[in-house]
mmCIF file of all heavy atoms, coordinates in Angstrom:
data_MODEL
# 
_entry.id   MODEL 
# 
loop_
_atom_site.group_PDB 
_atom_site.id 
_atom_site.type_symbol 
_atom_site.label_atom_id 
_atom_site.label_alt_id 
_atom_site.label_comp_id 
_atom_site.label_asym_id 
_atom_site.label_entity_id 
_atom_site.label_seq_id 
_atom_site.pdbx_PDB_ins_code 
_atom_site.Cartn_x 
_atom_site.Cartn_y 
_atom_site.Cartn_z 
_atom_site.occupancy 
_atom_site.B_iso_or_equiv 
_atom_site.pdbx_formal_charge 
_atom_site.auth_seq_id 
_atom_site.auth_comp_id 
_atom_site.auth_asym_id 
_atom_site.auth_atom_id 
_atom_site.pdbx_PDB_model_num 
ATOM 1   N N   . VAL A 1 1  ? 171.249 140.680 -31.888 1.00 0.00 ? 1  VAL A N   1 
ATOM 2   C CA  . VAL A 1 1  ? 171.602 140.330 -33.156 1.00 0.00 ? 1  VAL A CA  1 
ATOM 3   C C   . VAL A 1 1  ? 172.469 141.260 -33.973 1.00 0.00 ? 1  VAL A C   1 
ATOM 4   O O   . VAL A 1 1  ? 172.126 142.462 -33.951 1.00 0.00 ? 1  VAL A O   1 
ATOM 5   C CB  . VAL A 1 1  ? 170.272 140.078 -33.946 1.00 0.00 ? 1  VAL A CB  1 
ATOM 6   C CG1 . VAL A 1 1  ? 170.456 139.510 -35.460 1.00 0.00 ? 1  VAL A CG1 1 
ATOM 7   C CG2 . VAL A 1 1  ? 169.356 139.013 -33.268 1.00 0.00 ? 1  VAL A CG2 1 
ATOM 8   N N   . LEU A 1 2  ? 173.508 140.758 -34.660 1.00 0.00 ? 2  LEU A N   1 
ATOM 9   C CA  . LEU A 1 2  ? 174.279 141.537 -35.533 1.00 0.00 ? 2  LEU A CA  1 
ATOM 10  C C   . LEU A 1 2  ? 174.172 140.984 -36.953 1.00 0.00 ? 2  LEU A C   1 
ATOM 11  O O   . LEU A 1 2  ? 174.336 139.846 -37.236 1.00 0.00 ? 2  LEU A O   1 
ATOM 12  C CB  . LEU A 1 2  ? 175.743 141.567 -35.095 1.00 0.00 ? 2  LEU A CB  1 
ATOM 13  C CG  . LEU A 1 2  ? 176.778 142.091 -36.105 1.00 0.00 ? 2  LEU A CG  1 
ATOM 14  C CD1 . LEU A 1 2  ? 176.660 143.646 -36.279 1.00 0.00 ? 2  LEU A CD1 1 
ATOM 15  C CD2 . LEU A 1 2  ? 178.272 141.749 -35.856 1.00 0.00 ? 2  LEU A CD2 1 
ATOM 16  N N   . VAL A 1 3  ? 173.682 141.940 -37.929 1.00 0.00 ? 3  VAL A N   1 
ATOM 17  C CA  . VAL A 1 3  ? 173.709 141.556 -39.248 1.00 0.00 ? 3  VAL A CA  1 
ATOM 18  C C   . VAL A 1 3  ? 174.648 142.442 -40.171 1.00 0.00 ? 3  VAL A C   1 
ATOM 19  O O   . VAL A 1 3  ? 174.431 143.663 -40.229 1.00 0.00 ? 3  VAL A O   1 
ATOM 20  C CB  . VAL A 1 3  ? 172.178 141.716 -39.809 1.00 0.00 ? 3  VAL A CB  1 
ATOM 21  C CG1 . VAL A 1 3  ? 172.074 141.213 -41.347 1.00 0.00 ? 3  VAL A CG1 1 
ATOM 22  C CG2 . VAL A 1 3  ? 171.232 140.953 -38.868 1.00 0.00 ? 3  VAL A CG2 1 
ATOM 23  N N   . ILE A 1 4  ? 175.599 141.757 -40.719 1.00 0.00 ? 4  ILE A N   1 
ATOM 24  C CA  . ILE A 1 4  ? 176.614 142.383 -41.496 1.00 0.00 ? 4  ILE A CA  1 
ATOM 25  C C   . ILE A 1 4  ? 176.202 142.365 -42.900 1.00 0.00 ? 4  ILE A C   1 
ATOM 26  O O   . ILE A 1 4  ? 175.731 141.251 -43.344 1.00 0.00 ? 4  ILE A O   1 
ATOM 27  C CB  . ILE A 1 4  ? 177.995 141.733 -41.363 1.00 0.00 ? 4  ILE A CB  1 
ATOM 28  C CG1 . ILE A 1 4  ? 178.419 141.935 -39.845 1.00 0.00 ? 4  ILE A CG1 1 
ATOM 29  C CG2 . ILE A 1 4  ? 179.070 142.413 -42.311 1.00 0.00 ? 4  ILE A CG2 1 
ATOM 30  C CD1 . ILE A 1 4  ? 179.576 141.049 -39.423 1.00 0.00 ? 4  ILE A CD1 1 
ATOM 31  N N   . GLY A 1 5  ? 176.218 143.418 -43.688 1.00 0.00 ? 5  GLY A N   1 
ATOM 32  C CA  . GLY A 1 5  ? 175.727 143.517 -45.125 1.00 0.00 ? 5  GLY A CA  1 
ATOM 33  C C   . GLY A 1 5  ? 174.164 143.492 -45.054 1.00 0.00 ? 5  GLY A C   1 
ATOM 34  O O   . GLY A 1 5  ? 173.459 142.924 -46.003 1.00 0.00 ? 5  GLY A O   1 
ATOM 35  N N   . GLY A 1 6  ? 173.609 143.944 -43.856 1.00 0.00 ? 6  GLY A N   1 
ATOM 36  C CA  . GLY A 1 6  ? 172.140 144.001 -43.770 1.00 0.00 ? 6  GLY A CA  1 
ATOM 37  C C   . GLY A 1 6  ? 171.312 144.857 -44.606 1.00 0.00 ? 6  GLY A C   1 
ATOM 38  O O   . GLY A 1 6  ? 169.996 144.622 -44.483 1.00 0.00 ? 6  GLY A O   1 
ATOM 39  N N   . ALA A 1 7  ? 171.958 145.658 -45.281 1.00 0.00 ? 7  ALA A N   1 
ATOM 40  C CA  . ALA A 1 7  ? 171.087 146.619 -46.187 1.00 0.00 ? 7  ALA A CA  1 
ATOM 41  C C   . ALA A 1 7  ? 171.000 145.976 -47.532 1.00 0.00 ? 7  ALA A C   1 
ATOM 42  O O   . ALA A 1 7  ? 170.232 146.607 -48.371 1.00 0.00 ? 7  ALA A O   1 
ATOM 43  C CB  . ALA A 1 7  ? 171.786 147.914 -46.287 1.00 0.00 ? 7  ALA A CB  1 
ATOM 44  N N   . GLY A 1 8  ? 171.523 144.932 -47.885 1.00 0.00 ? 8  GLY A N   1 
ATOM 45  C CA  . GLY A 1 8  ? 171.393 144.258 -49.189 1.00 0.00 ? 8  GLY A CA  1 
ATOM 46  C C   . GLY A 1 8  ? 170.116 143.497 -49.237 1.00 0.00 ? 8  GLY A C   1 
ATOM 47  O O   . GLY A 1 8  ? 169.316 143.355 -48.383 1.00 0.00 ? 8  GLY A O   1 
ATOM 48  N N   . SER A 1 9  ? 169.901 142.965 -50.486 1.00 0.00 ? 9  SER A N   1 
ATOM 49  C CA  . SER A 1 9  ? 168.672 142.224 -50.731 1.00 0.00 ? 9  SER A CA  1 
ATOM 50  C C   . SER A 1 9  ? 168.452 140.940 -49.746 1.00 0.00 ? 9  SER A C   1 
ATOM 51  O O   . SER A 1 9  ? 167.441 140.914 -49.103 1.00 0.00 ? 9  SER A O   1 
ATOM 52  C CB  . SER A 1 9  ? 168.596 141.683 -52.190 1.00 0.00 ? 9  SER A CB  1 
ATOM 53  O OG  . SER A 1 9  ? 168.751 142.681 -53.092 1.00 0.00 ? 9  SER A OG  1 
ATOM 54  N N   . ILE A 1 10 ? 169.515 140.057 -49.655 1.00 0.00 ? 10 ILE A N   1 
ATOM 55  C CA  . ILE A 1 10 ? 169.305 138.887 -48.746 1.00 0.00 ? 10 ILE A CA  1 
ATOM 56  C C   . ILE A 1 10 ? 169.328 139.388 -47.259 1.00 0.00 ? 10 ILE A C   1 
ATOM 57  O O   . ILE A 1 10 ? 168.537 138.901 -46.413 1.00 0.00 ? 10 ILE A O   1 
ATOM 58  C CB  . ILE A 1 10 ? 170.356 137.927 -48.965 1.00 0.00 ? 10 ILE A CB  1 
ATOM 59  C CG1 . ILE A 1 10 ? 170.289 137.546 -50.579 1.00 0.00 ? 10 ILE A CG1 1 
ATOM 60  C CG2 . ILE A 1 10 ? 170.190 136.654 -48.191 1.00 0.00 ? 10 ILE A CG2 1 
ATOM 61  C CD1 . ILE A 1 10 ? 171.256 136.512 -50.963 1.00 0.00 ? 10 ILE A CD1 1 
ATOM 62  N N   . GLY A 1 11 ? 170.343 140.196 -46.919 1.00 0.00 ? 11 GLY A N   1 
ATOM 63  C CA  . GLY A 1 11 ? 170.489 140.592 -45.565 1.00 0.00 ? 11 GLY A CA  1 
ATOM 64  C C   . GLY A 1 11 ? 169.166 141.322 -44.957 1.00 0.00 ? 11 GLY A C   1 
ATOM 65  O O   . GLY A 1 11 ? 168.831 141.025 -43.903 1.00 0.00 ? 11 GLY A O   1 
ATOM 66  N N   . SER A 1 12 ? 168.628 142.065 -45.777 1.00 0.00 ? 12 SER A N   1 
ATOM 67  C CA  . SER A 1 12 ? 167.410 142.893 -45.292 1.00 0.00 ? 12 SER A CA  1 
ATOM 68  C C   . SER A 1 12 ? 166.242 141.927 -45.184 1.00 0.00 ? 12 SER A C   1 
ATOM 69  O O   . SER A 1 12 ? 165.383 142.155 -44.375 1.00 0.00 ? 12 SER A O   1 
ATOM 70  C CB  . SER A 1 12 ? 167.136 144.116 -46.179 1.00 0.00 ? 12 SER A CB  1 
ATOM 71  O OG  . SER A 1 12 ? 166.831 143.584 -47.682 1.00 0.00 ? 12 SER A OG  1 
ATOM 72  N N   . SER A 1 13 ? 166.160 140.961 -46.093 1.00 0.00 ? 13 SER A N   1 
ATOM 73  C CA  . SER A 1 13 ? 165.107 140.012 -45.970 1.00 0.00 ? 13 SER A CA  1 
ATOM 74  C C   . SER A 1 13 ? 165.247 139.058 -44.776 1.00 0.00 ? 13 SER A C   1 
ATOM 75  O O   . SER A 1 13 ? 164.200 138.660 -44.205 1.00 0.00 ? 13 SER A O   1 
ATOM 76  C CB  . SER A 1 13 ? 165.134 139.108 -47.344 1.00 0.00 ? 13 SER A CB  1 
ATOM 77  O OG  . SER A 1 13 ? 164.693 139.901 -48.538 1.00 0.00 ? 13 SER A OG  1 
ATOM 78  N N   . PHE A 1 14 ? 166.499 138.688 -44.459 1.00 0.00 ? 14 PHE A N   1 
ATOM 79  C CA  . PHE A 1 14 ? 166.777 137.905 -43.179 1.00 0.00 ? 14 PHE A CA  1 
ATOM 80  C C   . PHE A 1 14 ? 166.273 138.736 -42.033 1.00 0.00 ? 14 PHE A C   1 
ATOM 81  O O   . PHE A 1 14 ? 165.675 138.144 -41.089 1.00 0.00 ? 14 PHE A O   1 
ATOM 82  C CB  . PHE A 1 14 ? 168.291 137.719 -43.195 1.00 0.00 ? 14 PHE A CB  1 
ATOM 83  C CG  . PHE A 1 14 ? 168.772 137.107 -41.883 1.00 0.00 ? 14 PHE A CG  1 
ATOM 84  C CD1 . PHE A 1 14 ? 168.565 135.863 -41.619 1.00 0.00 ? 14 PHE A CD1 1 
ATOM 85  C CD2 . PHE A 1 14 ? 169.402 137.904 -40.888 1.00 0.00 ? 14 PHE A CD2 1 
ATOM 86  C CE1 . PHE A 1 14 ? 168.997 135.295 -40.362 1.00 0.00 ? 14 PHE A CE1 1 
ATOM 87  C CE2 . PHE A 1 14 ? 169.932 137.366 -39.675 1.00 0.00 ? 14 PHE A CE2 1 
ATOM 88  C CZ  . PHE A 1 14 ? 169.602 136.124 -39.406 1.00 0.00 ? 14 PHE A CZ  1 
ATOM 89  N N   . ILE A 1 15 ? 166.525 140.078 -41.960 1.00 0.00 ? 15 ILE A N   1 
ATOM 90  C CA  . ILE A 1 15 ? 166.004 140.913 -40.839 1.00 0.00 ? 15 ILE A CA  1 
ATOM 91  C C   . ILE A 1 15 ? 164.612 140.842 -40.818 1.00 0.00 ? 15 ILE A C   1 
ATOM 92  O O   . ILE A 1 15 ? 163.960 140.684 -39.683 1.00 0.00 ? 15 ILE A O   1 
ATOM 93  C CB  . ILE A 1 15 ? 166.701 142.372 -41.033 1.00 0.00 ? 15 ILE A CB  1 
ATOM 94  C CG1 . ILE A 1 15 ? 168.183 142.447 -40.792 1.00 0.00 ? 15 ILE A CG1 1 
ATOM 95  C CG2 . ILE A 1 15 ? 165.916 143.299 -40.141 1.00 0.00 ? 15 ILE A CG2 1 
ATOM 96  C CD1 . ILE A 1 15 ? 168.755 143.648 -41.248 1.00 0.00 ? 15 ILE A CD1 1 
ATOM 97  N N   . LYS A 1 16 ? 163.807 141.013 -41.868 1.00 0.00 ? 16 LYS A N   1 
ATOM 98  C CA  . LYS A 1 16 ? 162.408 141.100 -41.892 1.00 0.00 ? 16 LYS A CA  1 
ATOM 99  C C   . LYS A 1 16 ? 161.818 139.726 -41.457 1.00 0.00 ? 16 LYS A C   1 
ATOM 100 O O   . LYS A 1 16 ? 160.808 139.717 -40.981 1.00 0.00 ? 16 LYS A O   1 
ATOM 101 C CB  . LYS A 1 16 ? 161.865 141.487 -43.226 1.00 0.00 ? 16 LYS A CB  1 
ATOM 102 C CG  . LYS A 1 16 ? 162.155 142.959 -43.706 1.00 0.00 ? 16 LYS A CG  1 
ATOM 103 C CD  . LYS A 1 16 ? 161.837 143.160 -45.116 1.00 0.00 ? 16 LYS A CD  1 
ATOM 104 C CE  . LYS A 1 16 ? 162.316 144.579 -45.511 1.00 0.00 ? 16 LYS A CE  1 
ATOM 105 N NZ  . LYS A 1 16 ? 161.940 144.958 -46.952 1.00 0.00 ? 16 LYS A NZ  1 
ATOM 106 N N   . ALA A 1 17 ? 162.602 138.627 -41.828 1.00 0.00 ? 17 ALA A N   1 
ATOM 107 C CA  . ALA A 1 17 ? 162.062 137.333 -41.360 1.00 0.00 ? 17 ALA A CA  1 
ATOM 108 C C   . ALA A 1 17 ? 162.139 137.064 -39.973 1.00 0.00 ? 17 ALA A C   1 
ATOM 109 O O   . ALA A 1 17 ? 161.349 136.385 -39.398 1.00 0.00 ? 17 ALA A O   1 
ATOM 110 C CB  . ALA A 1 17 ? 162.747 136.138 -42.186 1.00 0.00 ? 17 ALA A CB  1 
ATOM 111 N N   . MET A 1 18 ? 163.195 137.641 -39.417 1.00 0.00 ? 18 MET A N   1 
ATOM 112 C CA  . MET A 1 18 ? 163.588 137.441 -37.957 1.00 0.00 ? 18 MET A CA  1 
ATOM 113 C C   . MET A 1 18 ? 162.843 138.317 -37.025 1.00 0.00 ? 18 MET A C   1 
ATOM 114 O O   . MET A 1 18 ? 162.547 137.881 -35.859 1.00 0.00 ? 18 MET A O   1 
ATOM 115 C CB  . MET A 1 18 ? 165.038 137.613 -37.830 1.00 0.00 ? 18 MET A CB  1 
ATOM 116 C CG  . MET A 1 18 ? 165.617 137.223 -36.506 1.00 0.00 ? 18 MET A CG  1 
ATOM 117 S SD  . MET A 1 18 ? 167.480 137.529 -36.628 1.00 0.00 ? 18 MET A SD  1 
ATOM 118 C CE  . MET A 1 18 ? 167.483 139.308 -37.092 1.00 0.00 ? 18 MET A CE  1 
ATOM 119 N N   . LEU A 1 19 ? 162.551 139.513 -37.450 1.00 0.00 ? 19 LEU A N   1 
ATOM 120 C CA  . LEU A 1 19 ? 161.957 140.551 -36.423 1.00 0.00 ? 19 LEU A CA  1 
ATOM 121 C C   . LEU A 1 19 ? 160.630 140.112 -35.813 1.00 0.00 ? 19 LEU A C   1 
ATOM 122 O O   . LEU A 1 19 ? 160.460 140.457 -34.660 1.00 0.00 ? 19 LEU A O   1 
ATOM 123 C CB  . LEU A 1 19 ? 161.823 141.941 -37.173 1.00 0.00 ? 19 LEU A CB  1 
ATOM 124 C CG  . LEU A 1 19 ? 163.075 142.673 -37.404 1.00 0.00 ? 19 LEU A CG  1 
ATOM 125 C CD1 . LEU A 1 19 ? 162.925 143.962 -37.991 1.00 0.00 ? 19 LEU A CD1 1 
ATOM 126 C CD2 . LEU A 1 19 ? 163.785 142.963 -35.971 1.00 0.00 ? 19 LEU A CD2 1 
ATOM 127 N N   . PRO A 1 20 ? 159.823 139.345 -36.406 1.00 0.00 ? 20 PRO A N   1 
ATOM 128 C CA  . PRO A 1 20 ? 158.543 139.045 -35.803 1.00 0.00 ? 20 PRO A CA  1 
ATOM 129 C C   . PRO A 1 20 ? 158.790 138.126 -34.557 1.00 0.00 ? 20 PRO A C   1 
ATOM 130 O O   . PRO A 1 20 ? 157.873 137.954 -33.682 1.00 0.00 ? 20 PRO A O   1 
ATOM 131 C CB  . PRO A 1 20 ? 157.868 138.171 -36.928 1.00 0.00 ? 20 PRO A CB  1 
ATOM 132 C CG  . PRO A 1 20 ? 158.278 138.704 -38.113 1.00 0.00 ? 20 PRO A CG  1 
ATOM 133 C CD  . PRO A 1 20 ? 159.720 139.019 -37.972 1.00 0.00 ? 20 PRO A CD  1 
ATOM 134 N N   . PHE A 1 21 ? 159.981 137.513 -34.424 1.00 0.00 ? 21 PHE A N   1 
ATOM 135 C CA  . PHE A 1 21 ? 160.277 136.699 -33.266 1.00 0.00 ? 21 PHE A CA  1 
ATOM 136 C C   . PHE A 1 21 ? 160.929 137.564 -32.152 1.00 0.00 ? 21 PHE A C   1 
ATOM 137 O O   . PHE A 1 21 ? 161.357 136.964 -31.153 1.00 0.00 ? 21 PHE A O   1 
ATOM 138 C CB  . PHE A 1 21 ? 161.180 135.582 -33.690 1.00 0.00 ? 21 PHE A CB  1 
ATOM 139 C CG  . PHE A 1 21 ? 160.513 134.654 -34.653 1.00 0.00 ? 21 PHE A CG  1 
ATOM 140 C CD1 . PHE A 1 21 ? 160.722 134.705 -35.908 1.00 0.00 ? 21 PHE A CD1 1 
ATOM 141 C CD2 . PHE A 1 21 ? 159.616 133.598 -34.172 1.00 0.00 ? 21 PHE A CD2 1 
ATOM 142 C CE1 . PHE A 1 21 ? 160.066 133.887 -36.834 1.00 0.00 ? 21 PHE A CE1 1 
ATOM 143 C CE2 . PHE A 1 21 ? 159.021 132.808 -34.965 1.00 0.00 ? 21 PHE A CE2 1 
ATOM 144 C CZ  . PHE A 1 21 ? 159.239 132.869 -36.435 1.00 0.00 ? 21 PHE A CZ  1 
ATOM 145 N N   . LYS A 1 22 ? 161.022 138.842 -32.361 1.00 0.00 ? 22 LYS A N   1 
ATOM 146 C CA  . LYS A 1 22 ? 161.263 139.776 -31.307 1.00 0.00 ? 22 LYS A CA  1 
ATOM 147 C C   . LYS A 1 22 ? 162.667 139.737 -30.625 1.00 0.00 ? 22 LYS A C   1 
ATOM 148 O O   . LYS A 1 22 ? 162.802 139.427 -29.358 1.00 0.00 ? 22 LYS A O   1 
ATOM 149 C CB  . LYS A 1 22 ? 160.163 139.884 -30.214 1.00 0.00 ? 22 LYS A CB  1 
ATOM 150 C CG  . LYS A 1 22 ? 158.845 140.237 -30.848 1.00 0.00 ? 22 LYS A CG  1 
ATOM 151 C CD  . LYS A 1 22 ? 157.788 140.542 -29.829 1.00 0.00 ? 22 LYS A CD  1 
ATOM 152 C CE  . LYS A 1 22 ? 156.489 141.027 -30.485 1.00 0.00 ? 22 LYS A CE  1 
ATOM 153 N NZ  . LYS A 1 22 ? 155.422 141.264 -29.578 1.00 0.00 ? 22 LYS A NZ  1 
ATOM 154 N N   . PRO A 1 23 ? 163.740 140.013 -31.290 1.00 0.00 ? 23 PRO A N   1 
ATOM 155 C CA  . PRO A 1 23 ? 165.076 140.004 -30.682 1.00 0.00 ? 23 PRO A CA  1 
ATOM 156 C C   . PRO A 1 23 ? 165.072 141.327 -29.831 1.00 0.00 ? 23 PRO A C   1 
ATOM 157 O O   . PRO A 1 23 ? 164.453 142.301 -30.095 1.00 0.00 ? 23 PRO A O   1 
ATOM 158 C CB  . PRO A 1 23 ? 165.953 140.127 -31.862 1.00 0.00 ? 23 PRO A CB  1 
ATOM 159 C CG  . PRO A 1 23 ? 165.237 140.768 -32.958 1.00 0.00 ? 23 PRO A CG  1 
ATOM 160 C CD  . PRO A 1 23 ? 163.791 140.245 -32.796 1.00 0.00 ? 23 PRO A CD  1 
ATOM 161 N N   . GLU A 1 24 ? 166.035 141.327 -28.818 1.00 0.00 ? 24 GLU A N   1 
ATOM 162 C CA  . GLU A 1 24 ? 166.144 142.436 -27.901 1.00 0.00 ? 24 GLU A CA  1 
ATOM 163 C C   . GLU A 1 24 ? 166.980 143.539 -28.494 1.00 0.00 ? 24 GLU A C   1 
ATOM 164 O O   . GLU A 1 24 ? 166.573 144.724 -28.438 1.00 0.00 ? 24 GLU A O   1 
ATOM 165 C CB  . GLU A 1 24 ? 166.992 141.924 -26.696 1.00 0.00 ? 24 GLU A CB  1 
ATOM 166 C CG  . GLU A 1 24 ? 167.207 143.070 -25.674 1.00 0.00 ? 24 GLU A CG  1 
ATOM 167 C CD  . GLU A 1 24 ? 168.046 142.572 -24.473 1.00 0.00 ? 24 GLU A CD  1 
ATOM 168 O OE1 . GLU A 1 24 ? 167.635 141.754 -23.857 1.00 0.00 ? 24 GLU A OE1 1 
ATOM 169 O OE2 . GLU A 1 24 ? 169.122 143.182 -24.303 1.00 0.00 ? 24 GLU A OE2 1 
ATOM 170 N N   . ALA A 1 25 ? 167.850 143.222 -29.370 1.00 0.00 ? 25 ALA A N   1 
ATOM 171 C CA  . ALA A 1 25 ? 168.804 144.340 -30.027 1.00 0.00 ? 25 ALA A CA  1 
ATOM 172 C C   . ALA A 1 25 ? 169.038 143.829 -31.416 1.00 0.00 ? 25 ALA A C   1 
ATOM 173 O O   . ALA A 1 25 ? 169.090 142.674 -31.731 1.00 0.00 ? 25 ALA A O   1 
ATOM 174 C CB  . ALA A 1 25 ? 169.942 144.612 -29.225 1.00 0.00 ? 25 ALA A CB  1 
ATOM 175 N N   . LEU A 1 26 ? 169.027 144.827 -32.377 1.00 0.00 ? 26 LEU A N   1 
ATOM 176 C CA  . LEU A 1 26 ? 169.418 144.575 -33.743 1.00 0.00 ? 26 LEU A CA  1 
ATOM 177 C C   . LEU A 1 26 ? 170.478 145.705 -34.124 1.00 0.00 ? 26 LEU A C   1 
ATOM 178 O O   . LEU A 1 26 ? 170.149 146.870 -34.188 1.00 0.00 ? 26 LEU A O   1 
ATOM 179 C CB  . LEU A 1 26 ? 168.253 144.632 -34.676 1.00 0.00 ? 26 LEU A CB  1 
ATOM 180 C CG  . LEU A 1 26 ? 168.418 144.650 -36.156 1.00 0.00 ? 26 LEU A CG  1 
ATOM 181 C CD1 . LEU A 1 26 ? 169.170 143.279 -36.487 1.00 0.00 ? 26 LEU A CD1 1 
ATOM 182 C CD2 . LEU A 1 26 ? 167.216 144.792 -36.953 1.00 0.00 ? 26 LEU A CD2 1 
ATOM 183 N N   . VAL A 1 27 ? 171.664 145.300 -34.464 1.00 0.00 ? 27 VAL A N   1 
ATOM 184 C CA  . VAL A 1 27 ? 172.759 146.141 -35.056 1.00 0.00 ? 27 VAL A CA  1 
ATOM 185 C C   . VAL A 1 27 ? 172.906 145.686 -36.568 1.00 0.00 ? 27 VAL A C   1 
ATOM 186 O O   . VAL A 1 27 ? 173.207 144.543 -36.786 1.00 0.00 ? 27 VAL A O   1 
ATOM 187 C CB  . VAL A 1 27 ? 173.985 146.077 -34.316 1.00 0.00 ? 27 VAL A CB  1 
ATOM 188 C CG1 . VAL A 1 27 ? 175.124 146.902 -34.943 1.00 0.00 ? 27 VAL A CG1 1 
ATOM 189 C CG2 . VAL A 1 27 ? 173.773 146.658 -32.834 1.00 0.00 ? 27 VAL A CG2 1 
ATOM 190 N N   . VAL A 1 28 ? 172.856 146.690 -37.446 1.00 0.00 ? 28 VAL A N   1 
ATOM 191 C CA  . VAL A 1 28 ? 173.047 146.455 -38.967 1.00 0.00 ? 28 VAL A CA  1 
ATOM 192 C C   . VAL A 1 28 ? 174.133 147.185 -39.332 1.00 0.00 ? 28 VAL A C   1 
ATOM 193 O O   . VAL A 1 28 ? 174.337 148.437 -39.164 1.00 0.00 ? 28 VAL A O   1 
ATOM 194 C CB  . VAL A 1 28 ? 171.793 146.750 -39.748 1.00 0.00 ? 28 VAL A CB  1 
ATOM 195 C CG1 . VAL A 1 28 ? 171.963 146.326 -41.127 1.00 0.00 ? 28 VAL A CG1 1 
ATOM 196 C CG2 . VAL A 1 28 ? 170.567 146.167 -39.046 1.00 0.00 ? 28 VAL A CG2 1 
ATOM 197 N N   . VAL A 1 29 ? 175.125 146.492 -40.000 1.00 0.00 ? 29 VAL A N   1 
ATOM 198 C CA  . VAL A 1 29 ? 176.321 147.085 -40.449 1.00 0.00 ? 29 VAL A CA  1 
ATOM 199 C C   . VAL A 1 29 ? 176.311 146.905 -42.058 1.00 0.00 ? 29 VAL A C   1 
ATOM 200 O O   . VAL A 1 29 ? 176.135 145.755 -42.569 1.00 0.00 ? 29 VAL A O   1 
ATOM 201 C CB  . VAL A 1 29 ? 177.582 146.418 -39.861 1.00 0.00 ? 29 VAL A CB  1 
ATOM 202 C CG1 . VAL A 1 29 ? 178.827 146.834 -40.645 1.00 0.00 ? 29 VAL A CG1 1 
ATOM 203 C CG2 . VAL A 1 29 ? 177.664 146.749 -38.480 1.00 0.00 ? 29 VAL A CG2 1 
ATOM 204 N N   . ASP A 1 30 ? 176.587 148.037 -42.764 1.00 0.00 ? 30 ASP A N   1 
ATOM 205 C CA  . ASP A 1 30 ? 176.643 147.928 -44.180 1.00 0.00 ? 30 ASP A CA  1 
ATOM 206 C C   . ASP A 1 30 ? 177.474 149.111 -44.623 1.00 0.00 ? 30 ASP A C   1 
ATOM 207 O O   . ASP A 1 30 ? 177.412 150.295 -44.014 1.00 0.00 ? 30 ASP A O   1 
ATOM 208 C CB  . ASP A 1 30 ? 175.350 147.973 -44.869 1.00 0.00 ? 30 ASP A CB  1 
ATOM 209 C CG  . ASP A 1 30 ? 175.193 147.286 -46.278 1.00 0.00 ? 30 ASP A CG  1 
ATOM 210 O OD1 . ASP A 1 30 ? 175.875 147.989 -47.143 1.00 0.00 ? 30 ASP A OD1 1 
ATOM 211 O OD2 . ASP A 1 30 ? 174.613 146.327 -46.431 1.00 0.00 ? 30 ASP A OD2 1 
# 
């Protein structure tokens, strides 16, 4: 998973919603 703008309010909330489903990799760009 790649999340661009992931440190903002919506991007970080998207990450927190998704992580319980256990992706293999998470790259966050901001």
